[in-house]
Amino acid sequence: MAKPASFDILLGALDGALTRVAARDDNPVTPDLVPAISAAVAAEAAQDPALRHVTNAEPWYASRVTWGAIIAALAPILGLVLGRTVSVADQASIVEIGTAAGTLAGAGLALYGRWVAKTPIGSK
């Protein structure tokens, strides 16, 4: 997955902070260590789901906000078609149920794929 620009901005700020810390006399970090430390921290940060969420690096279909907006847009149409209004609480419930169903479907698909696989994971 490509990193969004906000992720690069965050890592640039981190690199700048490490460089400033290395320039101080009150710590053991030296300027020659900054690139290695910065690379190690960037690699760890890129794996953090919270950071991916904050930098909006999640896929669109994994965004609860996106699904909430889709359901909010469809609710009035469903109300016209079905003759029943969909309340805000019902919309929130639909998002929750959809998220749970997606998680369940993903887990089931992963298990099914592993059970029908003919070779061990990692072999070619």
N, C-alpha and C. Protein backbone atom coordinates (compact mmCIF):
# COMPACT_ATOMS: atom_id res chain seq x y z
N MET A 1 0.85 -1.17 0.00
CA MET A 1 0.00 0.00 0.00
C MET A 1 0.90 1.23 0.00
N ALA A 2 0.59 2.21 -0.81
CA ALA A 2 1.38 3.43 -0.89
C ALA A 2 1.14 4.28 0.35
N LYS A 3 2.21 4.96 0.78
CA LYS A 3 2.08 5.83 1.93
C LYS A 3 1.48 7.16 1.49
N PRO A 4 0.54 7.70 2.26
CA PRO A 4 -0.01 9.01 1.93
C PRO A 4 0.99 10.10 2.26
N ALA A 5 0.80 11.28 1.69
CA ALA A 5 1.71 12.40 1.93
C ALA A 5 1.80 12.75 3.41
N SER A 6 0.68 12.62 4.14
CA SER A 6 0.69 12.96 5.57
C SER A 6 1.64 12.05 6.35
N PHE A 7 1.78 10.80 5.89
CA PHE A 7 2.71 9.88 6.54
C PHE A 7 4.14 10.37 6.34
N ASP A 8 4.47 10.80 5.12
CA ASP A 8 5.81 11.32 4.83
C ASP A 8 6.08 12.59 5.63
N ILE A 9 5.07 13.43 5.78
CA ILE A 9 5.24 14.65 6.57
C ILE A 9 5.54 14.30 8.02
N LEU A 10 4.81 13.32 8.55
CA LEU A 10 5.03 12.89 9.93
C LEU A 10 6.44 12.33 10.11
N LEU A 11 6.88 11.50 9.17
CA LEU A 11 8.23 10.94 9.27
C LEU A 11 9.30 12.02 9.10
N GLY A 12 9.04 13.02 8.27
CA GLY A 12 9.98 14.14 8.13
C GLY A 12 10.09 14.91 9.44
N ALA A 13 8.96 15.12 10.10
CA ALA A 13 8.98 15.81 11.40
C ALA A 13 9.75 14.99 12.42
N LEU A 14 9.56 13.68 12.39
CA LEU A 14 10.28 12.80 13.31
C LEU A 14 11.79 12.86 13.05
N ASP A 15 12.17 12.83 11.79
CA ASP A 15 13.59 12.91 11.43
C ASP A 15 14.18 14.24 11.90
N GLY A 16 13.44 15.33 11.72
CA GLY A 16 13.90 16.64 12.19
C GLY A 16 14.07 16.68 13.70
N ALA A 17 13.12 16.07 14.41
CA ALA A 17 13.20 16.03 15.87
C ALA A 17 14.42 15.23 16.31
N LEU A 18 14.66 14.09 15.66
CA LEU A 18 15.84 13.28 16.01
C LEU A 18 17.13 14.05 15.74
N THR A 19 17.17 14.78 14.65
CA THR A 19 18.36 15.58 14.32
C THR A 19 18.60 16.64 15.38
N ARG A 20 17.52 17.30 15.84
CA ARG A 20 17.67 18.32 16.88
C ARG A 20 18.12 17.70 18.20
N VAL A 21 17.58 16.52 18.53
CA VAL A 21 18.00 15.84 19.76
C VAL A 21 19.48 15.47 19.67
N ALA A 22 19.91 14.99 18.52
CA ALA A 22 21.31 14.59 18.35
C ALA A 22 22.25 15.78 18.47
N ALA A 23 21.77 16.97 18.17
CA ALA A 23 22.61 18.16 18.25
C ALA A 23 22.79 18.66 19.68
N ARG A 24 21.98 18.16 20.60
CA ARG A 24 22.09 18.58 22.00
C ARG A 24 23.21 17.81 22.70
N ASP A 25 23.73 18.39 23.75
CA ASP A 25 24.82 17.76 24.51
C ASP A 25 24.33 16.88 25.66
N ASP A 26 23.04 16.90 25.95
CA ASP A 26 22.53 16.21 27.14
C ASP A 26 21.99 14.80 26.87
N ASN A 27 22.41 14.15 25.77
CA ASN A 27 21.95 12.80 25.47
C ASN A 27 23.03 12.02 24.73
N PRO A 28 22.91 10.69 24.69
CA PRO A 28 23.94 9.88 24.03
C PRO A 28 23.76 9.73 22.52
N VAL A 29 22.69 10.31 21.94
CA VAL A 29 22.47 10.19 20.50
C VAL A 29 23.42 11.14 19.77
N THR A 30 24.07 10.60 18.75
CA THR A 30 24.98 11.42 17.95
C THR A 30 24.40 11.57 16.55
N PRO A 31 24.80 12.62 15.83
CA PRO A 31 24.24 12.84 14.49
C PRO A 31 24.43 11.66 13.53
N ASP A 32 25.49 10.88 13.68
CA ASP A 32 25.71 9.75 12.78
C ASP A 32 24.72 8.61 13.04
N LEU A 33 24.07 8.59 14.21
CA LEU A 33 23.08 7.55 14.51
C LEU A 33 21.67 7.90 14.02
N VAL A 34 21.43 9.17 13.71
CA VAL A 34 20.08 9.62 13.34
C VAL A 34 19.49 8.86 12.15
N PRO A 35 20.21 8.66 11.03
CA PRO A 35 19.59 7.94 9.91
C PRO A 35 19.14 6.52 10.28
N ALA A 36 19.94 5.80 11.04
CA ALA A 36 19.58 4.43 11.42
C ALA A 36 18.38 4.43 12.37
N ILE A 37 18.39 5.33 13.34
CA ILE A 37 17.28 5.41 14.28
C ILE A 37 16.01 5.83 13.55
N SER A 38 16.11 6.82 12.69
CA SER A 38 14.96 7.31 11.94
C SER A 38 14.37 6.20 11.06
N ALA A 39 15.22 5.44 10.38
CA ALA A 39 14.75 4.35 9.53
C ALA A 39 14.06 3.26 10.35
N ALA A 40 14.64 2.94 11.51
CA ALA A 40 14.05 1.90 12.36
C ALA A 40 12.69 2.35 12.90
N VAL A 41 12.60 3.60 13.32
CA VAL A 41 11.33 4.12 13.85
C VAL A 41 10.29 4.20 12.73
N ALA A 42 10.70 4.61 11.54
CA ALA A 42 9.78 4.70 10.41
C ALA A 42 9.22 3.32 10.05
N ALA A 43 10.08 2.31 10.06
CA ALA A 43 9.64 0.95 9.75
C ALA A 43 8.63 0.45 10.78
N GLU A 44 8.89 0.73 12.04
CA GLU A 44 7.95 0.33 13.09
C GLU A 44 6.64 1.11 12.99
N ALA A 45 6.75 2.41 12.75
CA ALA A 45 5.56 3.26 12.68
C ALA A 45 4.67 2.86 11.52
N ALA A 46 5.27 2.44 10.41
CA ALA A 46 4.48 2.05 9.23
C ALA A 46 3.62 0.82 9.50
N GLN A 47 3.99 0.03 10.50
CA GLN A 47 3.23 -1.18 10.83
C GLN A 47 2.12 -0.92 11.84
N ASP A 48 2.08 0.26 12.41
CA ASP A 48 1.12 0.57 13.47
C ASP A 48 -0.25 0.91 12.86
N PRO A 49 -1.28 0.11 13.16
CA PRO A 49 -2.61 0.39 12.60
C PRO A 49 -3.15 1.77 13.00
N ALA A 50 -2.81 2.22 14.19
CA ALA A 50 -3.29 3.54 14.63
C ALA A 50 -2.72 4.64 13.75
N LEU A 51 -1.46 4.52 13.38
CA LEU A 51 -0.84 5.53 12.52
C LEU A 51 -1.45 5.48 11.12
N ARG A 52 -1.71 4.28 10.61
CA ARG A 52 -2.36 4.17 9.30
C ARG A 52 -3.73 4.84 9.33
N HIS A 53 -4.44 4.69 10.44
CA HIS A 53 -5.75 5.31 10.58
C HIS A 53 -5.62 6.83 10.63
N VAL A 54 -4.70 7.33 11.45
CA VAL A 54 -4.52 8.77 11.61
C VAL A 54 -4.09 9.41 10.30
N THR A 55 -3.26 8.73 9.51
CA THR A 55 -2.79 9.29 8.25
C THR A 55 -3.72 8.95 7.09
N ASN A 56 -4.85 8.32 7.40
CA ASN A 56 -5.86 7.96 6.41
C ASN A 56 -5.28 7.03 5.34
N ALA A 57 -4.47 6.07 5.77
CA ALA A 57 -3.85 5.14 4.84
C ALA A 57 -4.61 3.83 4.73
N GLU A 58 -5.78 3.76 5.34
CA GLU A 58 -6.55 2.53 5.25
C GLU A 58 -7.31 2.50 3.92
N PRO A 59 -7.60 1.30 3.41
CA PRO A 59 -8.38 1.23 2.18
C PRO A 59 -9.79 1.79 2.41
N TRP A 60 -10.42 2.30 1.35
CA TRP A 60 -11.72 2.95 1.50
C TRP A 60 -12.76 2.03 2.11
N TYR A 61 -12.71 0.74 1.75
CA TYR A 61 -13.73 -0.19 2.22
C TYR A 61 -13.56 -0.55 3.69
N ALA A 62 -12.42 -0.20 4.29
CA ALA A 62 -12.20 -0.46 5.71
C ALA A 62 -12.57 0.75 6.57
N SER A 63 -13.02 1.81 5.94
CA SER A 63 -13.33 3.04 6.67
C SER A 63 -14.78 3.04 7.14
N ARG A 64 -14.95 3.12 8.44
CA ARG A 64 -16.31 3.19 9.00
C ARG A 64 -16.97 4.50 8.61
N VAL A 65 -16.18 5.55 8.45
CA VAL A 65 -16.74 6.84 8.04
C VAL A 65 -17.33 6.73 6.63
N THR A 66 -16.60 6.06 5.73
CA THR A 66 -17.09 5.87 4.36
C THR A 66 -18.41 5.11 4.37
N TRP A 67 -18.46 4.01 5.10
CA TRP A 67 -19.69 3.22 5.13
C TRP A 67 -20.82 3.98 5.80
N GLY A 68 -20.48 4.75 6.82
CA GLY A 68 -21.51 5.58 7.46
C GLY A 68 -22.08 6.59 6.49
N ALA A 69 -21.23 7.20 5.67
CA ALA A 69 -21.69 8.17 4.68
C ALA A 69 -22.54 7.50 3.61
N ILE A 70 -22.12 6.31 3.16
CA ILE A 70 -22.90 5.58 2.15
C ILE A 70 -24.29 5.24 2.69
N ILE A 71 -24.33 4.74 3.91
CA ILE A 71 -25.62 4.37 4.51
C ILE A 71 -26.48 5.60 4.75
N ALA A 72 -25.85 6.70 5.20
CA ALA A 72 -26.61 7.93 5.41
C ALA A 72 -27.18 8.46 4.10
N ALA A 73 -26.43 8.29 3.01
CA ALA A 73 -26.93 8.74 1.70
C ALA A 73 -28.04 7.84 1.19
N LEU A 74 -27.97 6.54 1.48
CA LEU A 74 -28.98 5.60 1.00
C LEU A 74 -30.24 5.57 1.87
N ALA A 75 -30.12 6.00 3.12
CA ALA A 75 -31.26 5.92 4.04
C ALA A 75 -32.51 6.63 3.53
N PRO A 76 -32.40 7.85 3.02
CA PRO A 76 -33.63 8.50 2.52
C PRO A 76 -34.24 7.77 1.32
N ILE A 77 -33.37 7.22 0.46
CA ILE A 77 -33.86 6.47 -0.71
C ILE A 77 -34.60 5.22 -0.25
N LEU A 78 -34.00 4.52 0.73
CA LEU A 78 -34.68 3.34 1.27
C LEU A 78 -36.01 3.71 1.91
N GLY A 79 -36.03 4.86 2.55
CA GLY A 79 -37.28 5.33 3.16
C GLY A 79 -38.36 5.53 2.12
N LEU A 80 -37.98 6.08 0.96
CA LEU A 80 -38.95 6.29 -0.11
C LEU A 80 -39.41 4.96 -0.71
N VAL A 81 -38.45 4.05 -0.93
CA VAL A 81 -38.77 2.77 -1.56
C VAL A 81 -39.57 1.88 -0.62
N LEU A 82 -39.15 1.81 0.63
CA LEU A 82 -39.80 0.90 1.58
C LEU A 82 -40.96 1.56 2.33
N GLY A 83 -41.06 2.87 2.21
CA GLY A 83 -42.11 3.57 2.94
C GLY A 83 -41.84 3.66 4.43
N ARG A 84 -40.59 3.50 4.82
CA ARG A 84 -40.21 3.54 6.24
C ARG A 84 -38.96 4.39 6.37
N THR A 85 -38.94 5.28 7.33
CA THR A 85 -37.74 6.10 7.54
C THR A 85 -36.70 5.30 8.33
N VAL A 86 -35.45 5.60 8.05
CA VAL A 86 -34.34 4.94 8.75
C VAL A 86 -33.73 5.97 9.69
N SER A 87 -33.86 5.73 10.98
CA SER A 87 -33.37 6.70 11.97
C SER A 87 -31.85 6.69 12.03
N VAL A 88 -31.31 7.71 12.67
CA VAL A 88 -29.86 7.80 12.85
C VAL A 88 -29.35 6.60 13.65
N ALA A 89 -30.11 6.19 14.66
CA ALA A 89 -29.71 5.03 15.46
C ALA A 89 -29.69 3.77 14.61
N ASP A 90 -30.70 3.63 13.73
CA ASP A 90 -30.72 2.47 12.84
C ASP A 90 -29.54 2.50 11.87
N GLN A 91 -29.19 3.69 11.38
CA GLN A 91 -28.05 3.82 10.48
C GLN A 91 -26.76 3.38 11.18
N ALA A 92 -26.60 3.80 12.43
CA ALA A 92 -25.41 3.40 13.20
C ALA A 92 -25.39 1.89 13.41
N SER A 93 -26.55 1.33 13.67
CA SER A 93 -26.63 -0.13 13.85
C SER A 93 -26.27 -0.87 12.57
N ILE A 94 -26.71 -0.35 11.44
CA ILE A 94 -26.39 -0.97 10.15
C ILE A 94 -24.88 -0.95 9.93
N VAL A 95 -24.22 0.15 10.25
CA VAL A 95 -22.76 0.23 10.11
C VAL A 95 -22.09 -0.81 11.01
N GLU A 96 -22.53 -0.92 12.26
CA GLU A 96 -21.96 -1.89 13.19
C GLU A 96 -22.16 -3.32 12.70
N ILE A 97 -23.36 -3.61 12.25
CA ILE A 97 -23.66 -4.97 11.76
C ILE A 97 -22.84 -5.26 10.51
N GLY A 98 -22.73 -4.29 9.62
CA GLY A 98 -21.93 -4.47 8.40
C GLY A 98 -20.46 -4.70 8.71
N THR A 99 -19.93 -3.96 9.67
CA THR A 99 -18.54 -4.15 10.08
C THR A 99 -18.33 -5.54 10.64
N ALA A 100 -19.23 -5.97 11.50
CA ALA A 100 -19.13 -7.31 12.09
C ALA A 100 -19.27 -8.39 11.02
N ALA A 101 -20.19 -8.20 10.10
CA ALA A 101 -20.38 -9.19 9.03
C ALA A 101 -19.16 -9.26 8.13
N GLY A 102 -18.56 -8.12 7.83
CA GLY A 102 -17.35 -8.10 7.01
C GLY A 102 -16.20 -8.81 7.69
N THR A 103 -16.05 -8.59 8.98
CA THR A 103 -15.01 -9.27 9.75
C THR A 103 -15.23 -10.78 9.76
N LEU A 104 -16.47 -11.18 10.00
CA LEU A 104 -16.81 -12.60 10.00
C LEU A 104 -16.56 -13.23 8.63
N ALA A 105 -16.97 -12.55 7.57
CA ALA A 105 -16.76 -13.07 6.22
C ALA A 105 -15.27 -13.20 5.91
N GLY A 106 -14.48 -12.20 6.30
CA GLY A 106 -13.04 -12.26 6.06
C GLY A 106 -12.38 -13.41 6.80
N ALA A 107 -12.77 -13.61 8.05
CA ALA A 107 -12.22 -14.72 8.83
C ALA A 107 -12.62 -16.06 8.22
N GLY A 108 -13.88 -16.17 7.83
CA GLY A 108 -14.34 -17.41 7.21
C GLY A 108 -13.62 -17.70 5.90
N LEU A 109 -13.41 -16.67 5.09
CA LEU A 109 -12.71 -16.85 3.82
C LEU A 109 -11.26 -17.27 4.05
N ALA A 110 -10.61 -16.67 5.05
CA ALA A 110 -9.23 -17.04 5.37
C ALA A 110 -9.15 -18.50 5.82
N LEU A 111 -10.07 -18.91 6.68
CA LEU A 111 -10.08 -20.30 7.14
C LEU A 111 -10.35 -21.26 5.98
N TYR A 112 -11.33 -20.93 5.17
CA TYR A 112 -11.65 -21.77 4.02
C TYR A 112 -10.45 -21.90 3.09
N GLY A 113 -9.80 -20.79 2.81
CA GLY A 113 -8.62 -20.81 1.94
C GLY A 113 -7.51 -21.68 2.49
N ARG A 114 -7.31 -21.63 3.79
CA ARG A 114 -6.27 -22.44 4.39
C ARG A 114 -6.65 -23.92 4.36
N TRP A 115 -7.90 -24.22 4.59
CA TRP A 115 -8.35 -25.61 4.62
C TRP A 115 -8.31 -26.28 3.25
N VAL A 116 -8.57 -25.53 2.19
CA VAL A 116 -8.57 -26.13 0.86
C VAL A 116 -7.21 -26.05 0.18
N ALA A 117 -6.25 -25.34 0.78
CA ALA A 117 -4.91 -25.22 0.19
C ALA A 117 -4.24 -26.59 0.17
N LYS A 118 -3.49 -26.83 -0.88
CA LYS A 118 -2.82 -28.12 -1.06
C LYS A 118 -1.37 -28.10 -0.61
N THR A 119 -0.80 -26.90 -0.39
CA THR A 119 0.61 -26.79 0.02
C THR A 119 0.71 -25.96 1.29
N PRO A 120 1.76 -26.18 2.07
CA PRO A 120 1.94 -25.40 3.29
C PRO A 120 2.20 -23.92 2.97
N ILE A 121 1.90 -23.06 3.91
CA ILE A 121 2.16 -21.63 3.75
C ILE A 121 3.66 -21.43 3.55
N GLY A 122 4.01 -20.62 2.58
CA GLY A 122 5.41 -20.29 2.34
C GLY A 122 6.09 -21.18 1.32
N SER A 123 5.52 -22.31 0.96
CA SER A 123 6.15 -23.17 -0.05
C SER A 123 5.66 -22.78 -1.43
N LYS A 124 6.45 -23.08 -2.43
CA LYS A 124 6.06 -22.69 -3.79
C LYS A 124 5.79 -23.88 -4.63
